Every structure is written in structure tokens, then in C-alpha cells.
C-alpha atoms as a PDB file:
ATOM      1  CA  MET A   1     -22.170 -10.408   4.757  1.00  0.00           C
ATOM      2  CA  ASN A   2     -24.033  -7.376   5.953  1.00  0.00           C
ATOM      3  CA  LYS A   3     -21.568  -6.421   8.516  1.00  0.00           C
ATOM      4  CA  PRO A   4     -18.054  -4.417   7.707  1.00  0.00           C
ATOM      5  CA  LEU A   5     -14.993  -6.374   8.154  1.00  0.00           C
ATOM      6  CA  VAL A   6     -13.513  -3.491   9.938  1.00  0.00           C
ATOM      7  CA  LEU A   7     -12.205  -4.764  13.018  1.00  0.00           C
ATOM      8  CA  THR A   8     -10.959  -8.216  11.235  1.00  0.00           C
ATOM      9  CA  ARG A   9      -9.005  -6.259   8.541  1.00  0.00           C
ATOM     10  CA  GLY A  10      -7.164  -4.365  10.884  1.00  0.00           C
ATOM     11  CA  LEU A  11      -6.085  -7.183  12.700  1.00  0.00           C
ATOM     12  CA  LEU A  12      -4.961  -8.760   9.454  1.00  0.00           C
ATOM     13  CA  LEU A  13      -2.871  -5.735   8.490  1.00  0.00           C
ATOM     14  CA  VAL A  14      -0.873  -6.427  11.974  1.00  0.00           C
ATOM     15  CA  PRO A  15       1.157  -9.268  10.801  1.00  0.00           C
ATOM     16  CA  LEU A  16       0.595  -8.334   7.215  1.00  0.00           C
ATOM     17  CA  VAL A  17       3.234  -5.361   7.695  1.00  0.00           C
ATOM     18  CA  GLY A  18       5.062  -6.845  10.649  1.00  0.00           C
ATOM     19  CA  ALA A  19       5.683 -10.394   9.026  1.00  0.00           C
ATOM     20  CA  SER A  20       6.190  -9.783   5.527  1.00  0.00           C
ATOM     21  CA  ASP A  21      10.168  -8.440   5.640  1.00  0.00           C
ATOM     22  CA  SER A  22      10.661 -11.773   3.481  1.00  0.00           C
ATOM     23  CA  LEU A  23       8.890 -14.044   1.240  1.00  0.00           C
ATOM     24  CA  VAL A  24       9.529 -17.277   3.639  1.00  0.00           C
ATOM     25  CA  ASN A  25       8.312 -15.150   6.783  1.00  0.00           C
ATOM     26  CA  ALA A  26       5.369 -14.400   4.406  1.00  0.00           C
ATOM     27  CA  LEU A  27       4.505 -17.849   3.460  1.00  0.00           C
ATOM     28  CA  GLY A  28       4.734 -19.489   6.590  1.00  0.00           C
ATOM     29  CA  LEU A  29       2.566 -16.697   8.274  1.00  0.00           C
ATOM     30  CA  TRP A  30      -0.161 -17.284   5.494  1.00  0.00           C
ATOM     31  CA  LEU A  31       0.642 -20.500   5.959  1.00  0.00           C
ATOM     32  CA  ALA A  32      -0.404 -20.557   9.489  1.00  0.00           C
ATOM     33  CA  TRP A  33      -3.159 -18.228   9.074  1.00  0.00           C
ATOM     34  CA  ALA A  34      -4.696 -20.531   7.159  1.00  0.00           C
ATOM     35  CA  LEU A  35      -4.495 -23.752   8.719  1.00  0.00           C
ATOM     36  CA  ILE A  36      -5.186 -22.568  12.422  1.00  0.00           C
ATOM     37  CA  SER A  37      -8.193 -20.350  10.597  1.00  0.00           C
ATOM     38  CA  ALA A  38      -9.444 -23.101   8.870  1.00  0.00           C
ATOM     39  CA  GLY A  39      -9.262 -25.411  11.594  1.00  0.00           C
ATOM     40  CA  HIS A  40     -10.721 -22.700  14.147  1.00  0.00           C
ATOM     41  CA  GLY A  41     -13.499 -22.088  11.887  1.00  0.00           C
ATOM     42  CA  LEU A  42     -14.640 -26.080  10.937  1.00  0.00           C
ATOM     43  CA  THR A  43     -14.977 -26.483  14.457  1.00  0.00           C
ATOM     44  CA  MET A  44     -16.474 -23.538  15.934  1.00  0.00           C
ATOM     45  CA  GLY A  45     -19.027 -24.858  13.074  1.00  0.00           C
ATOM     46  CA  LEU A  46     -19.675 -28.408  14.944  1.00  0.00           C
ATOM     47  CA  LEU A  47     -19.814 -26.255  17.967  1.00  0.00           C
ATOM     48  CA  ARG A  48     -21.900 -22.878  17.695  1.00  0.00           C
ATOM     49  CA  SER A  49     -25.620 -25.084  17.559  1.00  0.00           C
ATOM     50  CA  HIS A  50     -24.750 -26.332  21.034  1.00  0.00           C
ATOM     51  CA  LEU A  51     -23.169 -23.007  22.691  1.00  0.00           C
ATOM     52  CA  THR A  52     -24.738 -19.873  23.943  1.00  0.00           C
ATOM     53  CA  ALA A  53     -23.341 -16.410  22.724  1.00  0.00           C
ATOM     54  CA  PRO A  54     -21.581 -15.512  25.952  1.00  0.00           C
ATOM     55  CA  GLN A  55     -20.290 -19.498  25.997  1.00  0.00           C
ATOM     56  CA  ARG A  56     -19.559 -19.339  22.200  1.00  0.00           C
ATOM     57  CA  LEU A  57     -17.082 -16.113  22.448  1.00  0.00           C
ATOM     58  CA  LEU A  58     -15.639 -18.071  25.469  1.00  0.00           C
ATOM     59  CA  ALA A  59     -15.181 -21.195  23.161  1.00  0.00           C
ATOM     60  CA  SER A  60     -13.565 -19.142  20.412  1.00  0.00           C
ATOM     61  CA  ILE A  61     -10.853 -17.602  22.595  1.00  0.00           C
ATOM     62  CA  VAL A  62      -9.921 -20.574  24.152  1.00  0.00           C
ATOM     63  CA  LEU A  63      -9.879 -22.742  20.656  1.00  0.00           C
ATOM     64  CA  ALA A  64      -7.857 -19.866  19.036  1.00  0.00           C
ATOM     65  CA  ALA A  65      -5.401 -19.820  21.561  1.00  0.00           C
ATOM     66  CA  THR A  66      -4.829 -23.257  21.664  1.00  0.00           C
ATOM     67  CA  LEU A  67      -4.704 -23.628  17.880  1.00  0.00           C
ATOM     68  CA  THR A  68      -2.020 -20.951  17.841  1.00  0.00           C
ATOM     69  CA  ALA A  69      -0.057 -22.381  20.806  1.00  0.00           C
ATOM     70  CA  CYS A  70      -0.124 -25.655  18.864  1.00  0.00           C
ATOM     71  CA  ALA A  71       1.260 -23.856  15.675  1.00  0.00           C
ATOM     72  CA  SER A  72       4.041 -22.628  17.831  1.00  0.00           C
ATOM     73  CA  LEU A  73       5.082 -25.350  19.101  1.00  0.00           C
ATOM     74  CA  VAL A  74       5.012 -27.164  15.923  1.00  0.00           C
ATOM     75  CA  ALA A  75       6.919 -24.554  14.612  1.00  0.00           C
ATOM     76  CA  GLN A  76       9.831 -24.186  17.182  1.00  0.00           C
ATOM     77  CA  ALA A  77       9.879 -27.884  16.522  1.00  0.00           C
ATOM     78  CA  TRP A  78      10.218 -27.986  13.126  1.00  0.00           C
ATOM     79  CA  ALA A  79      11.596 -24.256  11.623  1.00  0.00           C
ATOM     80  CA  LEU A  80      13.415 -22.301  14.882  1.00  0.00           C
ATOM     81  CA  GLN A  81      14.617 -19.545  12.733  1.00  0.00           C
ATOM     82  CA  THR A  82      11.352 -18.921  10.774  1.00  0.00           C
ATOM     83  CA  TYR A  83       9.390 -19.480  14.316  1.00  0.00           C
ATOM     84  CA  GLN A  84      11.390 -16.857  16.023  1.00  0.00           C
ATOM     85  CA  SER A  85      11.430 -14.055  13.482  1.00  0.00           C
ATOM     86  CA  LEU A  86       6.983 -14.976  13.420  1.00  0.00           C
ATOM     87  CA  SER A  87       6.816 -15.719  17.462  1.00  0.00           C
ATOM     88  CA  LEU A  88       5.050 -12.024  17.860  1.00  0.00           C
ATOM     89  CA  TYR A  89       2.484 -12.088  15.347  1.00  0.00           C
ATOM     90  CA  ILE A  90       1.566 -16.001  15.318  1.00  0.00           C
ATOM     91  CA  GLY A  91      -0.818 -14.557  18.635  1.00  0.00           C
ATOM     92  CA  TRP A  92      -2.346 -12.163  16.299  1.00  0.00           C
ATOM     93  CA  ILE A  93      -3.811 -14.819  14.748  1.00  0.00           C
ATOM     94  CA  ALA A  94      -5.889 -16.200  17.962  1.00  0.00           C
ATOM     95  CA  LEU A  95      -7.292 -12.377  17.731  1.00  0.00           C
ATOM     96  CA  SER A  96      -8.240 -12.668  14.086  1.00  0.00           C
ATOM     97  CA  CYS A  97      -9.947 -16.030  14.504  1.00  0.00           C
ATOM     98  CA  VAL A  98     -11.915 -14.566  17.258  1.00  0.00           C
ATOM     99  CA  ALA A  99     -12.509 -11.347  15.388  1.00  0.00           C
ATOM    100  CA  LEU A 100     -13.530 -13.599  12.386  1.00  0.00           C
ATOM    101  CA  GLU A 101     -16.291 -15.948  14.205  1.00  0.00           C
ATOM    102  CA  HIS A 102     -17.807 -12.335  16.187  1.00  0.00           C
ATOM    103  CA  ASP A 103     -18.460 -10.825  12.897  1.00  0.00           C
ATOM    104  CA  ASP A 104     -20.187 -14.361  11.753  1.00  0.00           C
ATOM    105  CA  VAL A 105     -17.615 -15.162   9.010  1.00  0.00           C
ATOM    106  CA  PHE A 106     -17.314 -19.104  10.296  1.00  0.00           C
ATOM    107  CA  ALA A 107     -21.350 -19.463  10.418  1.00  0.00           C
ATOM    108  CA  GLY A 108     -23.174 -21.035   7.456  1.00  0.00           C
ATOM    109  CA  SER A 109     -22.582 -21.475   4.202  1.00  0.00           C
ATOM    110  CA  ARG A 110     -19.968 -18.420   3.311  1.00  0.00           C
ATOM    111  CA  LEU A 111     -17.357 -20.758   2.102  1.00  0.00           C
ATOM    112  CA  PRO A 112     -16.455 -18.584  -1.075  1.00  0.00           C
ATOM    113  CA  GLU A 113     -16.833 -15.687   1.119  1.00  0.00           C
ATOM    114  CA  ARG A 114     -13.860 -17.274   3.454  1.00  0.00           C
ATOM    115  CA  LEU A 115     -12.179 -18.613   0.405  1.00  0.00           C
ATOM    116  CA  ARG A 116     -11.578 -14.902  -1.024  1.00  0.00           C
ATOM    117  CA  LEU A 117     -10.235 -13.485   2.541  1.00  0.00           C
ATOM    118  CA  ALA A 118      -7.823 -16.110   2.427  1.00  0.00           C
ATOM    119  CA  GLY A 119      -6.626 -15.812  -0.993  1.00  0.00           C
ATOM    120  CA  LEU A 120      -6.684 -12.017  -0.735  1.00  0.00           C
ATOM    121  CA  PHE A 121      -4.604 -12.023   2.643  1.00  0.00           C
ATOM    122  CA  GLY A 122      -2.308 -14.991   0.944  1.00  0.00           C
ATOM    123  CA  LEU A 123      -1.868 -12.890  -1.900  1.00  0.00           C
ATOM    124  CA  LEU A 124      -1.386  -9.111  -0.312  1.00  0.00           C
ATOM    125  CA  MET A 125       1.582 -11.470   2.057  1.00  0.00           C
ATOM    126  CA  ILE A 126       3.229 -13.077  -0.564  1.00  0.00           C
ATOM    127  CA  ALA A 127       3.200  -9.701  -2.817  1.00  0.00           C
ATOM    128  CA  LEU A 128       4.299  -7.799  -0.101  1.00  0.00           C
ATOM    129  CA  GLY A 129       7.052 -10.543   0.922  1.00  0.00           C
ATOM    130  CA  ALA A 130       8.731 -10.534  -2.109  1.00  0.00           C
ATOM    131  CA  LEU A 131       8.473  -6.966  -2.630  1.00  0.00           C
ATOM    132  CA  ARG A 132      10.255  -6.047   0.706  1.00  0.00           C
ATOM    133  CA  GLU A 133      12.896  -8.795  -0.024  1.00  0.00           C
ATOM    134  CA  LEU A 134      13.618  -7.597  -3.254  1.00  0.00           C
ATOM    135  CA  ILE A 135      13.807  -3.593  -2.802  1.00  0.00           C
ATOM    136  CA  GLY A 136      15.289  -4.189   1.061  1.00  0.00           C
ATOM    137  CA  ASN A 137      18.900  -5.613  -0.829  1.00  0.00           C
ATOM    138  CA  VAL A 138      18.926  -1.736  -2.129  1.00  0.00           C
ATOM    139  CA  ILE A 139      16.757   0.109   0.439  1.00  0.00           C
ATOM    140  CA  PRO A 140      17.047  -1.214   3.862  1.00  0.00           C
ATOM    141  CA  LEU A 141      13.524   0.499   5.295  1.00  0.00           C
ATOM    142  CA  ALA A 142      11.758  -1.490   3.239  1.00  0.00           C
ATOM    143  CA  LEU A 143      12.655  -4.816   5.397  1.00  0.00           C
ATOM    144  CA  LEU A 144      11.484  -2.421   8.741  1.00  0.00           C
ATOM    145  CA  ALA A 145       7.953  -1.727   9.509  1.00  0.00           C
ATOM    146  CA  PRO A 146       7.381   1.912   8.688  1.00  0.00           C
ATOM    147  CA  GLY A 147       9.013   0.557   4.985  1.00  0.00           C
ATOM    148  CA  GLY A 148       6.104  -2.257   5.058  1.00  0.00           C
ATOM    149  CA  PHE A 149       3.638   0.590   5.563  1.00  0.00           C
ATOM    150  CA  ILE A 150       4.957   2.838   2.831  1.00  0.00           C
ATOM    151  CA  LEU A 151       4.827  -0.127   0.347  1.00  0.00           C
ATOM    152  CA  LEU A 152       0.978  -1.137   1.431  1.00  0.00           C
ATOM    153  CA  GLY A 153       0.311   2.561   0.694  1.00  0.00           C
ATOM    154  CA  LEU A 154       1.939   2.692  -2.728  1.00  0.00           C
ATOM    155  CA  LEU A 155       0.659  -0.769  -3.527  1.00  0.00           C
ATOM    156  CA  LEU A 156      -2.854   0.519  -2.603  1.00  0.00           C
ATOM    157  CA  ALA A 157      -2.224   3.665  -4.085  1.00  0.00           C
ATOM    158  CA  ALA A 158      -1.623   1.573  -7.895  1.00  0.00           C
ATOM    159  CA  ARG A 159      -4.550   0.143  -7.291  1.00  0.00           C
ATOM    160  CA  GLN A 160      -6.602   3.098  -6.882  1.00  0.00           C
ATOM    161  CA  ALA A 161      -5.449   4.385  -9.894  1.00  0.00           C
ATOM    162  CA  TRP A 162      -5.418   1.531 -11.440  1.00  0.00           C
ATOM    163  CA  THR A 163      -9.535   0.725 -10.935  1.00  0.00           C
ATOM    164  CA  SER A 164     -10.542   4.448 -11.602  1.00  0.00           C
ATOM    165  CA  ALA A 165      -8.269   4.801 -15.069  1.00  0.00           C
ATOM    166  CA  ARG A 166     -10.794   2.323 -16.327  1.00  0.00           C
ATOM    167  CA  PRO A 167     -12.739   3.277 -18.937  1.00  0.00           C
ATOM    168  CA  PRO A 168     -16.272   3.069 -17.648  1.00  0.00           C
ATOM    169  CA  SER A 169     -18.811   0.100 -19.368  1.00  0.00           C
ATOM    170  CA  THR A 170     -20.374   0.823 -22.194  1.00  0.00           C
ATOM    171  CA  ILE A 171     -22.979  -1.600 -21.931  1.00  0.00           C
ATOM    172  CA  GLU A 172     -25.920   0.550 -20.955  1.00  0.00           C
ATOM    173  CA  GLU A 173     -28.915  -2.161 -18.894  1.00  0.00           C
ATOM    174  CA  THR A 174     -31.995  -1.015 -20.077  1.00  0.00           C
ATOM    175  CA  PRO A 175     -34.968  -0.561 -17.353  1.00  0.00           C
ATOM    176  CA  ARG A 176     -37.017  -3.377 -16.412  1.00  0.00           C
ATOM    177  CA  PRO A 177     -40.836  -3.216 -15.843  1.00  0.00           C
END
């Protein structure tokens, strides 16, 4: 992929920090995001070749809004308590789908890239939700959005320290003619 996913990653940051105050909320939002994104990607894959660029954008917006509205209604009917804490963030899923479509993540045969994005987002949601729930029993700030940003920053700093602490590879590449 040639384009950086700056917009898409920024849109994923909002539900990541806001909805991960508990493990149940994190799992619920990740499941909704994965299902809606997969449905959006599959449907747009069928429509993409028949639409011009402006039509594709409009179709992507309408489809994302429809899928998130349906998911919202299903969540209201079957998991009202979870829906009440996640209702704000379900709308962000539509923005994420439109941004992913705009970045051509759903176009072509990029299944490994899509699965990697969904897996990383799910892993971050679950890890952050579990940590915030554990720490929130002792430090109530961890359950609020600023606590989520602080914890996410600490996790990213730990990852950076872990990857930079590895010794460089001793295998030397031989130049090829």
C-alpha cells in the first residue's frame, strides 16, 4: 500500500481510547467494527467496478451509515446496557469505513492487510480494555478518557523501548551482483 493510513488510524484512536474503559465494551465495539467493516468491504467490492469515483464515495457513506444504524438497532435490542455506553462510538465505525474505502484498503486483494488491521485494532482494544478495567479498580482516572490516553501512551512507549532494546541482527547480507 502506497498511501499512509493517517486518517484511518486517527479515526480508530477515538473509539480505542473512549470505548475501552472495560473489557466487555472493548470486545463489543471491536466485534461491531469488525463485522461492519467486513460487510462494508464486501459490499463495496461488489459495487466498486460499477460506480464512478463520486458515486463510490456516496455509496460508501450511505452503506456505512446503514450498516452502523442496523448494528445500533441490534445492540439496542439485545445488549441495551452495552449499547448505552457504546452508542457514541458506533457512529465512528461509519467514518472509519468511509476512510478505509477512501484509502483503497478494501480494493483489490489485500486480505492480509485487512486482517492485520482488524487484528491489531482488536488486540489494542482488548489489551487496553483489560488494563483499564484492572487499573480502574485502584485508580479511577484509568476509566476516564484521559486515563486511556495516558495508558495508551505508556503502552506505546513500552513497545518502543522493547523494539529498540533488541540487539541488531548478526546476520550480514551479502551484496548481489
